[in-house]
N, C-alpha and C. Protein backbone atom coordinates (compact mmCIF):
# COMPACT_ATOMS: atom_id res chain seq x y z
N MET A 1 -36.67 25.21 81.85
CA MET A 1 -36.51 24.70 80.50
C MET A 1 -35.06 24.91 80.06
N SER A 2 -34.45 23.87 79.55
CA SER A 2 -33.03 23.92 79.21
C SER A 2 -32.75 24.45 77.82
N GLY A 3 -33.75 24.61 77.00
CA GLY A 3 -33.54 25.08 75.63
C GLY A 3 -33.30 23.94 74.64
N ARG A 4 -33.13 22.71 75.17
CA ARG A 4 -32.95 21.56 74.29
C ARG A 4 -34.31 21.02 73.89
N SER A 5 -34.40 20.53 72.67
CA SER A 5 -35.68 19.97 72.22
C SER A 5 -35.90 18.61 72.87
N GLU A 6 -37.13 18.28 73.13
CA GLU A 6 -37.48 17.00 73.71
C GLU A 6 -37.39 15.90 72.67
N ALA A 7 -37.05 14.70 73.11
CA ALA A 7 -36.96 13.55 72.20
C ALA A 7 -38.35 13.18 71.70
N ARG A 8 -38.42 12.84 70.43
CA ARG A 8 -39.68 12.45 69.83
C ARG A 8 -39.79 10.94 69.67
N SER A 9 -38.67 10.23 69.67
CA SER A 9 -38.68 8.79 69.58
C SER A 9 -37.48 8.23 70.32
N GLU A 10 -37.54 6.95 70.58
CA GLU A 10 -36.49 6.30 71.34
C GLU A 10 -35.23 6.08 70.51
N TYR A 11 -35.39 5.81 69.24
CA TYR A 11 -34.26 5.55 68.35
C TYR A 11 -34.69 5.81 66.92
N CYS A 12 -33.72 5.83 66.03
CA CYS A 12 -33.98 6.05 64.61
C CYS A 12 -33.02 5.17 63.83
N ILE A 13 -33.52 4.45 62.83
CA ILE A 13 -32.68 3.63 61.96
C ILE A 13 -32.22 4.52 60.81
N LEU A 14 -30.94 4.47 60.46
CA LEU A 14 -30.45 5.29 59.36
C LEU A 14 -29.22 4.67 58.73
N THR A 15 -28.88 5.22 57.58
CA THR A 15 -27.62 4.88 56.92
C THR A 15 -26.76 6.12 56.93
N ILE A 16 -25.46 5.90 57.01
CA ILE A 16 -24.52 7.02 56.98
C ILE A 16 -23.54 6.75 55.85
N SER A 17 -23.51 7.65 54.88
CA SER A 17 -22.53 7.51 53.80
C SER A 17 -21.51 8.63 53.84
N THR A 18 -21.89 9.80 54.33
CA THR A 18 -20.94 10.90 54.51
C THR A 18 -20.52 10.85 55.97
N GLU A 19 -19.75 9.83 56.28
CA GLU A 19 -19.48 9.44 57.66
C GLU A 19 -19.05 10.56 58.58
N SER A 20 -18.01 11.27 58.26
CA SER A 20 -17.48 12.25 59.21
C SER A 20 -18.47 13.38 59.47
N LEU A 21 -19.13 13.87 58.44
CA LEU A 21 -20.08 14.96 58.61
C LEU A 21 -21.30 14.50 59.40
N SER A 22 -21.85 13.34 59.05
CA SER A 22 -23.02 12.83 59.75
C SER A 22 -22.71 12.58 61.22
N LYS A 23 -21.57 11.96 61.48
CA LYS A 23 -21.22 11.66 62.86
C LYS A 23 -20.94 12.94 63.65
N LYS A 24 -20.39 13.96 63.00
CA LYS A 24 -20.18 15.24 63.67
C LYS A 24 -21.53 15.85 64.06
N LEU A 25 -22.50 15.80 63.15
CA LEU A 25 -23.83 16.33 63.46
C LEU A 25 -24.47 15.56 64.61
N LEU A 26 -24.28 14.25 64.64
CA LEU A 26 -24.82 13.46 65.74
C LEU A 26 -24.20 13.87 67.07
N ARG A 27 -22.89 14.07 67.09
CA ARG A 27 -22.22 14.50 68.33
C ARG A 27 -22.76 15.86 68.78
N GLN A 28 -22.95 16.77 67.83
CA GLN A 28 -23.46 18.10 68.19
C GLN A 28 -24.85 18.04 68.81
N LYS A 29 -25.64 17.07 68.39
CA LYS A 29 -27.01 16.92 68.90
C LYS A 29 -27.08 15.96 70.09
N GLU A 30 -25.90 15.54 70.60
CA GLU A 30 -25.80 14.61 71.72
C GLU A 30 -26.53 13.30 71.44
N LEU A 31 -26.26 12.76 70.24
CA LEU A 31 -26.81 11.48 69.82
C LEU A 31 -25.67 10.51 69.57
N GLU A 32 -25.95 9.23 69.68
CA GLU A 32 -24.95 8.20 69.43
C GLU A 32 -25.40 7.30 68.29
N PHE A 33 -24.46 6.99 67.39
CA PHE A 33 -24.71 6.06 66.30
C PHE A 33 -24.25 4.68 66.72
N HIS A 34 -25.12 3.68 66.51
CA HIS A 34 -24.81 2.29 66.85
C HIS A 34 -24.77 1.49 65.54
N HIS A 35 -23.58 1.07 65.16
CA HIS A 35 -23.36 0.35 63.90
C HIS A 35 -24.06 -1.01 63.92
N LEU A 36 -24.75 -1.35 62.82
CA LEU A 36 -25.35 -2.67 62.66
C LEU A 36 -24.72 -3.44 61.50
N LYS A 37 -24.45 -2.74 60.39
CA LYS A 37 -23.96 -3.44 59.20
C LYS A 37 -23.32 -2.45 58.24
N SER A 38 -22.28 -2.90 57.54
CA SER A 38 -21.68 -2.12 56.46
C SER A 38 -22.09 -2.74 55.14
N CYS A 39 -22.31 -1.92 54.14
CA CYS A 39 -22.70 -2.43 52.83
C CYS A 39 -22.33 -1.42 51.75
N ARG A 40 -22.53 -1.81 50.53
CA ARG A 40 -22.29 -0.96 49.37
C ARG A 40 -23.64 -0.43 48.88
N ALA A 41 -23.60 0.58 48.06
CA ALA A 41 -24.82 1.16 47.49
C ALA A 41 -25.36 0.29 46.37
N TYR A 42 -26.67 0.30 46.24
CA TYR A 42 -27.38 -0.37 45.16
C TYR A 42 -28.31 0.64 44.50
N VAL A 43 -28.60 0.42 43.24
CA VAL A 43 -29.58 1.23 42.51
C VAL A 43 -30.91 0.48 42.60
N TYR A 44 -31.90 1.14 43.17
CA TYR A 44 -33.21 0.55 43.38
C TYR A 44 -34.13 1.08 42.29
N LEU A 45 -34.71 0.16 41.49
CA LEU A 45 -35.55 0.58 40.38
C LEU A 45 -36.59 -0.47 40.03
N TRP A 46 -37.52 -0.07 39.18
CA TRP A 46 -38.59 -0.94 38.72
C TRP A 46 -37.98 -2.06 37.89
N LYS A 47 -38.53 -3.29 38.01
CA LYS A 47 -37.94 -4.44 37.32
C LYS A 47 -38.02 -4.34 35.79
N LYS A 48 -38.85 -3.43 35.25
CA LYS A 48 -38.92 -3.24 33.79
C LYS A 48 -38.17 -1.98 33.34
N HIS A 49 -37.42 -1.38 34.23
CA HIS A 49 -36.58 -0.23 33.90
C HIS A 49 -35.54 -0.69 32.87
N PRO A 50 -35.16 0.16 31.91
CA PRO A 50 -34.17 -0.23 30.89
C PRO A 50 -32.83 -0.72 31.46
N LEU A 51 -32.49 -0.36 32.69
CA LEU A 51 -31.21 -0.79 33.28
C LEU A 51 -31.36 -1.95 34.26
N ALA A 52 -32.57 -2.45 34.45
CA ALA A 52 -32.83 -3.46 35.49
C ALA A 52 -32.10 -4.78 35.27
N ASP A 53 -31.73 -5.10 34.03
CA ASP A 53 -31.08 -6.38 33.77
C ASP A 53 -29.55 -6.29 33.86
N ARG A 54 -29.01 -5.12 34.18
CA ARG A 54 -27.56 -4.95 34.29
C ARG A 54 -27.02 -5.67 35.52
N THR A 55 -25.75 -6.00 35.48
CA THR A 55 -25.11 -6.60 36.66
C THR A 55 -24.55 -5.53 37.58
N LYS A 56 -24.34 -4.32 37.06
CA LYS A 56 -23.91 -3.17 37.85
C LYS A 56 -24.26 -1.90 37.09
N ILE A 57 -24.42 -0.80 37.84
CA ILE A 57 -24.82 0.48 37.25
C ILE A 57 -23.97 1.57 37.87
N ASN A 58 -23.51 2.55 37.05
CA ASN A 58 -22.78 3.70 37.59
C ASN A 58 -23.52 4.99 37.24
N PHE A 59 -22.96 6.12 37.66
CA PHE A 59 -23.63 7.40 37.41
C PHE A 59 -23.82 7.69 35.92
N ALA A 60 -22.87 7.32 35.08
CA ALA A 60 -23.00 7.56 33.64
C ALA A 60 -24.21 6.83 33.08
N ASP A 61 -24.45 5.60 33.57
CA ASP A 61 -25.62 4.83 33.12
C ASP A 61 -26.92 5.51 33.53
N LEU A 62 -26.92 6.16 34.68
CA LEU A 62 -28.14 6.76 35.24
C LEU A 62 -28.48 8.12 34.65
N LYS A 63 -27.55 8.70 33.90
CA LYS A 63 -27.78 10.02 33.32
C LYS A 63 -29.06 9.98 32.46
N GLY A 64 -29.90 10.95 32.67
CA GLY A 64 -31.14 11.03 31.91
C GLY A 64 -32.35 10.47 32.64
N TYR A 65 -32.11 9.67 33.67
CA TYR A 65 -33.21 9.13 34.47
C TYR A 65 -33.34 9.96 35.75
N PRO A 66 -34.58 10.19 36.20
CA PRO A 66 -34.73 11.01 37.42
C PRO A 66 -34.35 10.24 38.68
N CYS A 67 -33.61 10.93 39.54
CA CYS A 67 -33.27 10.39 40.85
C CYS A 67 -34.42 10.73 41.79
N LEU A 68 -34.91 9.75 42.50
CA LEU A 68 -36.02 9.94 43.42
C LEU A 68 -35.49 10.01 44.84
N SER A 69 -36.01 10.94 45.60
CA SER A 69 -35.52 11.17 46.95
C SER A 69 -36.68 11.48 47.87
N PHE A 70 -36.58 11.04 49.12
CA PHE A 70 -37.61 11.37 50.09
C PHE A 70 -37.42 12.81 50.55
N GLU A 71 -38.52 13.53 50.64
CA GLU A 71 -38.51 14.91 51.14
C GLU A 71 -38.02 14.88 52.58
N GLN A 72 -37.10 15.77 52.89
CA GLN A 72 -36.55 15.86 54.25
C GLN A 72 -37.03 17.16 54.87
N GLY A 73 -37.10 17.18 56.17
CA GLY A 73 -37.70 18.30 56.88
C GLY A 73 -36.93 19.59 56.94
N ASP A 74 -35.70 19.57 57.45
CA ASP A 74 -35.01 20.84 57.67
C ASP A 74 -33.76 20.94 56.81
N GLU A 75 -33.09 22.07 56.91
CA GLU A 75 -31.96 22.36 56.03
C GLU A 75 -30.78 21.43 56.21
N SER A 76 -30.55 20.88 57.40
CA SER A 76 -29.40 20.00 57.60
C SER A 76 -29.75 18.55 57.34
N SER A 77 -31.01 18.24 57.06
CA SER A 77 -31.41 16.84 56.98
C SER A 77 -30.86 16.12 55.76
N PHE A 78 -30.38 16.82 54.73
CA PHE A 78 -29.84 16.08 53.59
C PHE A 78 -28.59 15.31 53.99
N TYR A 79 -27.95 15.68 55.10
CA TYR A 79 -26.82 14.90 55.59
C TYR A 79 -27.29 13.60 56.22
N MET A 80 -28.56 13.53 56.57
CA MET A 80 -29.13 12.33 57.18
C MET A 80 -30.19 11.72 56.27
N ALA A 81 -30.13 11.98 54.99
CA ALA A 81 -31.12 11.48 54.06
C ALA A 81 -31.15 9.97 54.04
N GLU A 82 -32.31 9.40 53.72
CA GLU A 82 -32.43 7.96 53.62
C GLU A 82 -31.58 7.41 52.48
N GLU A 83 -31.44 8.16 51.42
CA GLU A 83 -30.73 7.67 50.25
C GLU A 83 -29.22 7.85 50.39
N VAL A 84 -28.51 6.89 49.86
CA VAL A 84 -27.05 6.95 49.81
C VAL A 84 -26.66 7.98 48.76
N LEU A 85 -25.52 8.59 48.92
CA LEU A 85 -24.97 9.56 47.96
C LEU A 85 -25.93 10.73 47.72
N SER A 86 -26.65 11.12 48.78
CA SER A 86 -27.64 12.19 48.64
C SER A 86 -27.02 13.56 48.41
N THR A 87 -25.73 13.71 48.66
CA THR A 87 -25.09 15.00 48.46
C THR A 87 -24.52 15.18 47.06
N GLU A 88 -24.66 14.17 46.21
CA GLU A 88 -24.18 14.27 44.82
C GLU A 88 -25.09 15.22 44.03
N ASP A 89 -24.55 15.75 42.93
CA ASP A 89 -25.36 16.57 42.02
C ASP A 89 -26.01 15.66 40.99
N TYR A 90 -27.31 15.79 40.85
CA TYR A 90 -28.08 14.99 39.90
C TYR A 90 -28.73 15.93 38.89
N ASP A 91 -28.87 15.47 37.65
CA ASP A 91 -29.51 16.29 36.62
C ASP A 91 -30.97 16.57 36.98
N ARG A 92 -31.67 15.53 37.40
CA ARG A 92 -33.09 15.68 37.76
C ARG A 92 -33.34 14.94 39.07
N VAL A 93 -33.94 15.63 40.02
CA VAL A 93 -34.30 15.03 41.29
C VAL A 93 -35.78 15.29 41.53
N ILE A 94 -36.49 14.26 41.89
CA ILE A 94 -37.90 14.38 42.24
C ILE A 94 -38.03 13.97 43.69
N LYS A 95 -38.66 14.83 44.49
CA LYS A 95 -38.85 14.57 45.91
C LYS A 95 -40.26 14.03 46.13
N ALA A 96 -40.36 13.04 46.99
CA ALA A 96 -41.65 12.49 47.37
C ALA A 96 -41.66 12.36 48.89
N CYS A 97 -42.85 12.31 49.46
CA CYS A 97 -42.92 12.23 50.92
C CYS A 97 -43.46 10.89 51.41
N ASP A 98 -43.75 9.96 50.50
CA ASP A 98 -44.22 8.65 50.94
C ASP A 98 -43.77 7.56 49.97
N ARG A 99 -43.71 6.34 50.48
CA ARG A 99 -43.20 5.21 49.72
C ARG A 99 -44.07 4.90 48.49
N ALA A 100 -45.38 4.97 48.63
CA ALA A 100 -46.26 4.64 47.50
C ALA A 100 -46.01 5.57 46.31
N THR A 101 -45.87 6.86 46.59
CA THR A 101 -45.57 7.81 45.52
C THR A 101 -44.22 7.50 44.89
N MET A 102 -43.23 7.21 45.72
CA MET A 102 -41.88 6.89 45.23
C MET A 102 -41.93 5.68 44.29
N LEU A 103 -42.64 4.63 44.69
CA LEU A 103 -42.71 3.42 43.86
C LEU A 103 -43.46 3.69 42.55
N ASN A 104 -44.51 4.50 42.60
CA ASN A 104 -45.24 4.85 41.38
C ASN A 104 -44.36 5.66 40.42
N LEU A 105 -43.53 6.57 40.96
CA LEU A 105 -42.62 7.35 40.12
C LEU A 105 -41.53 6.46 39.51
N MET A 106 -41.12 5.45 40.23
CA MET A 106 -40.15 4.51 39.67
C MET A 106 -40.73 3.82 38.44
N LYS A 107 -41.97 3.43 38.54
CA LYS A 107 -42.64 2.75 37.41
C LYS A 107 -42.97 3.73 36.29
N GLY A 108 -43.59 4.83 36.64
CA GLY A 108 -44.10 5.74 35.61
C GLY A 108 -43.04 6.57 34.90
N LEU A 109 -41.93 6.87 35.59
CA LEU A 109 -40.91 7.76 35.01
C LEU A 109 -39.56 7.08 34.83
N ASN A 110 -39.50 5.78 35.09
CA ASN A 110 -38.21 5.07 35.10
C ASN A 110 -37.22 5.75 36.03
N GLY A 111 -37.72 6.15 37.19
CA GLY A 111 -36.88 6.76 38.19
C GLY A 111 -36.11 5.71 38.97
N TYR A 112 -35.19 6.17 39.79
CA TYR A 112 -34.37 5.28 40.62
C TYR A 112 -34.02 5.99 41.91
N THR A 113 -33.57 5.22 42.86
CA THR A 113 -32.97 5.77 44.06
C THR A 113 -31.79 4.89 44.43
N LEU A 114 -30.91 5.41 45.22
CA LEU A 114 -29.75 4.65 45.68
C LEU A 114 -29.99 4.25 47.12
N CYS A 115 -29.71 2.98 47.42
CA CYS A 115 -30.03 2.48 48.75
C CYS A 115 -29.10 1.34 49.13
N SER A 116 -29.41 0.68 50.24
CA SER A 116 -28.61 -0.43 50.73
C SER A 116 -28.81 -1.70 49.92
N GLY A 117 -29.84 -1.77 49.12
CA GLY A 117 -30.14 -2.98 48.37
C GLY A 117 -31.01 -3.96 49.12
N ILE A 118 -31.34 -3.64 50.33
CA ILE A 118 -32.22 -4.50 51.12
C ILE A 118 -33.65 -4.17 50.72
N ILE A 119 -34.31 -5.14 50.11
CA ILE A 119 -35.66 -4.92 49.61
C ILE A 119 -36.64 -5.74 50.43
N CYS A 120 -37.65 -5.09 50.94
CA CYS A 120 -38.70 -5.78 51.70
C CYS A 120 -39.89 -5.96 50.77
N GLU A 121 -40.02 -7.17 50.21
CA GLU A 121 -41.12 -7.44 49.29
C GLU A 121 -42.48 -7.34 49.97
N GLU A 122 -42.53 -7.58 51.28
CA GLU A 122 -43.79 -7.47 52.01
C GLU A 122 -44.33 -6.04 51.95
N LEU A 123 -43.43 -5.06 51.92
CA LEU A 123 -43.85 -3.65 51.86
C LEU A 123 -44.00 -3.15 50.43
N ASN A 124 -43.08 -3.54 49.55
CA ASN A 124 -43.00 -2.95 48.22
C ASN A 124 -43.44 -3.87 47.08
N GLY A 125 -43.73 -5.11 47.36
CA GLY A 125 -44.08 -6.05 46.31
C GLY A 125 -42.82 -6.56 45.61
N ASP A 126 -43.03 -7.32 44.53
CA ASP A 126 -41.89 -7.91 43.82
C ASP A 126 -41.63 -7.24 42.47
N ASP A 127 -42.09 -6.02 42.30
CA ASP A 127 -41.90 -5.29 41.04
C ASP A 127 -40.61 -4.49 40.98
N PHE A 128 -39.74 -4.63 41.98
CA PHE A 128 -38.55 -3.79 42.06
C PHE A 128 -37.30 -4.64 42.26
N VAL A 129 -36.18 -4.11 41.77
CA VAL A 129 -34.91 -4.80 41.88
C VAL A 129 -33.85 -3.84 42.42
N ALA A 130 -32.80 -4.43 42.96
CA ALA A 130 -31.65 -3.65 43.41
C ALA A 130 -30.43 -4.16 42.66
N VAL A 131 -29.78 -3.27 41.91
CA VAL A 131 -28.61 -3.60 41.10
C VAL A 131 -27.40 -2.94 41.76
N PRO A 132 -26.30 -3.67 41.93
CA PRO A 132 -25.12 -3.06 42.57
C PRO A 132 -24.68 -1.78 41.86
N PHE A 133 -24.40 -0.75 42.66
CA PHE A 133 -23.87 0.50 42.14
C PHE A 133 -22.37 0.33 41.97
N GLU A 134 -21.86 0.75 40.82
CA GLU A 134 -20.43 0.64 40.52
C GLU A 134 -19.75 1.97 40.79
N ASP A 135 -18.77 1.95 41.70
CA ASP A 135 -17.99 3.16 41.92
C ASP A 135 -17.30 3.54 40.61
N ASP A 136 -17.14 4.82 40.39
CA ASP A 136 -16.47 5.30 39.18
C ASP A 136 -15.67 6.54 39.52
N ARG A 137 -15.20 7.26 38.53
CA ARG A 137 -14.37 8.43 38.81
C ARG A 137 -15.18 9.56 39.46
N ILE A 138 -16.49 9.57 39.28
CA ILE A 138 -17.34 10.58 39.92
C ILE A 138 -17.57 10.20 41.38
N GLN A 139 -17.93 8.96 41.61
CA GLN A 139 -18.20 8.48 42.96
C GLN A 139 -17.25 7.33 43.25
N THR A 140 -16.25 7.59 44.09
CA THR A 140 -15.21 6.60 44.32
C THR A 140 -15.46 5.72 45.54
N ASP A 141 -16.44 6.04 46.35
CA ASP A 141 -16.72 5.21 47.52
C ASP A 141 -18.20 5.27 47.85
N SER A 142 -18.90 4.20 47.52
CA SER A 142 -20.34 4.15 47.79
C SER A 142 -20.65 3.25 48.98
N SER A 143 -19.69 3.13 49.88
CA SER A 143 -19.94 2.32 51.07
C SER A 143 -20.79 3.12 52.05
N MET A 144 -21.49 2.37 52.90
CA MET A 144 -22.32 3.02 53.91
C MET A 144 -22.46 2.11 55.11
N GLU A 145 -22.92 2.70 56.17
CA GLU A 145 -23.20 1.96 57.39
C GLU A 145 -24.70 2.04 57.66
N ILE A 146 -25.25 0.94 58.10
CA ILE A 146 -26.63 0.92 58.57
C ILE A 146 -26.55 0.82 60.09
N GLY A 147 -27.32 1.62 60.75
CA GLY A 147 -27.31 1.59 62.20
C GLY A 147 -28.50 2.34 62.76
N TYR A 148 -28.45 2.58 64.03
CA TYR A 148 -29.52 3.36 64.66
C TYR A 148 -28.89 4.38 65.59
N ILE A 149 -29.64 5.42 65.86
CA ILE A 149 -29.17 6.45 66.77
C ILE A 149 -30.07 6.49 68.00
N THR A 150 -29.46 6.85 69.10
CA THR A 150 -30.18 7.05 70.35
C THR A 150 -29.64 8.32 70.99
N GLY A 151 -30.33 8.79 71.99
CA GLY A 151 -29.79 9.88 72.78
C GLY A 151 -28.55 9.39 73.51
N LYS A 152 -27.59 10.28 73.66
CA LYS A 152 -26.34 9.92 74.35
C LYS A 152 -26.67 9.49 75.77
N HIS A 153 -26.07 8.38 76.20
CA HIS A 153 -26.23 7.84 77.55
C HIS A 153 -27.66 7.41 77.85
N ILE A 154 -28.44 7.09 76.82
CA ILE A 154 -29.81 6.63 77.03
C ILE A 154 -29.89 5.16 76.63
N SER A 155 -30.41 4.34 77.51
CA SER A 155 -30.58 2.91 77.22
C SER A 155 -31.93 2.69 76.56
N LEU A 156 -31.97 1.72 75.66
CA LEU A 156 -33.24 1.37 75.02
C LEU A 156 -34.16 0.68 76.02
N SER A 157 -35.44 0.86 75.83
CA SER A 157 -36.42 0.12 76.61
C SER A 157 -36.35 -1.34 76.19
N SER A 158 -36.98 -2.23 76.93
CA SER A 158 -36.96 -3.65 76.57
C SER A 158 -37.63 -3.86 75.21
N ILE A 159 -38.70 -3.13 74.92
CA ILE A 159 -39.37 -3.25 73.62
C ILE A 159 -38.48 -2.69 72.52
N GLY A 160 -37.83 -1.57 72.78
CA GLY A 160 -36.90 -1.01 71.81
C GLY A 160 -35.76 -1.96 71.51
N GLN A 161 -35.21 -2.62 72.54
CA GLN A 161 -34.13 -3.58 72.34
C GLN A 161 -34.61 -4.79 71.56
N MET A 162 -35.84 -5.24 71.83
CA MET A 162 -36.39 -6.38 71.05
C MET A 162 -36.49 -6.01 69.57
N TYR A 163 -36.91 -4.78 69.28
CA TYR A 163 -37.03 -4.33 67.90
C TYR A 163 -35.66 -4.30 67.22
N ILE A 164 -34.66 -3.75 67.89
CA ILE A 164 -33.31 -3.72 67.34
C ILE A 164 -32.80 -5.15 67.14
N ASP A 165 -33.06 -6.05 68.06
CA ASP A 165 -32.64 -7.45 67.90
C ASP A 165 -33.27 -8.08 66.66
N GLU A 166 -34.53 -7.75 66.39
CA GLU A 166 -35.19 -8.28 65.18
C GLU A 166 -34.56 -7.69 63.92
N ILE A 167 -34.20 -6.43 63.95
CA ILE A 167 -33.52 -5.81 62.80
C ILE A 167 -32.18 -6.49 62.57
N ILE A 168 -31.45 -6.76 63.64
CA ILE A 168 -30.16 -7.45 63.51
C ILE A 168 -30.36 -8.81 62.86
N LYS A 169 -31.36 -9.56 63.28
CA LYS A 169 -31.64 -10.87 62.67
C LYS A 169 -31.96 -10.72 61.18
N TYR A 170 -32.77 -9.71 60.85
CA TYR A 170 -33.13 -9.47 59.45
C TYR A 170 -31.88 -9.14 58.62
N LEU A 171 -31.02 -8.27 59.15
CA LEU A 171 -29.81 -7.88 58.43
C LEU A 171 -28.84 -9.05 58.27
N GLU A 172 -28.81 -9.95 59.22
CA GLU A 172 -27.94 -11.13 59.12
C GLU A 172 -28.35 -12.00 57.93
N ASN A 173 -29.62 -11.95 57.56
CA ASN A 173 -30.11 -12.76 56.42
C ASN A 173 -29.86 -12.07 55.08
N THR A 174 -29.23 -10.91 55.08
CA THR A 174 -28.93 -10.19 53.84
C THR A 174 -27.43 -10.19 53.58
N ALA A 175 -26.78 -11.29 53.94
CA ALA A 175 -25.32 -11.40 53.86
C ALA A 175 -24.73 -11.03 52.51
N PRO A 176 -25.37 -11.31 51.36
CA PRO A 176 -24.74 -10.95 50.09
C PRO A 176 -24.49 -9.46 49.92
N LEU A 177 -25.16 -8.61 50.69
CA LEU A 177 -25.00 -7.18 50.53
C LEU A 177 -23.82 -6.63 51.32
N VAL A 178 -23.25 -7.43 52.20
CA VAL A 178 -22.12 -6.98 53.01
C VAL A 178 -20.85 -7.01 52.16
N PHE A 179 -19.97 -6.04 52.38
CA PHE A 179 -18.69 -6.07 51.66
C PHE A 179 -17.55 -6.30 52.61
């Protein structure tokens, strides 16, 4: 036994916003990041949220509303969080472990999360919107990369490559989100 943990999956889709730190952690774990798309952050919220009709939203606008975040497993995982700008300080953060709870909290508490702006209505319905996040003096760069990670020097299986090819096609259809 080499002391290294065994792989649990072939690849993982993720966003990286704290680029240097995230990529350093990937190198330490002998993982490789494969870039798929660059984009800016969006505020994801319920379509009846008081800020949903804005053309852009910044941190000052979000003050007073709870930030929703997916529960992460270990102490270093906040560097690999699903949400963009996960290392920022928020007045109120509510953690959830599943999408249904997250969407209910968005409706019931006027919560929000920061994301790529890519909304899958098939999964979440049409009750949610993504409003562009406006960089400000608190957050001066809300850019991120969407990509996937694999073990270093490991090739994807044919099924894994087909899945990544489908993700690439899907991302190509979200051209307005690219900067």
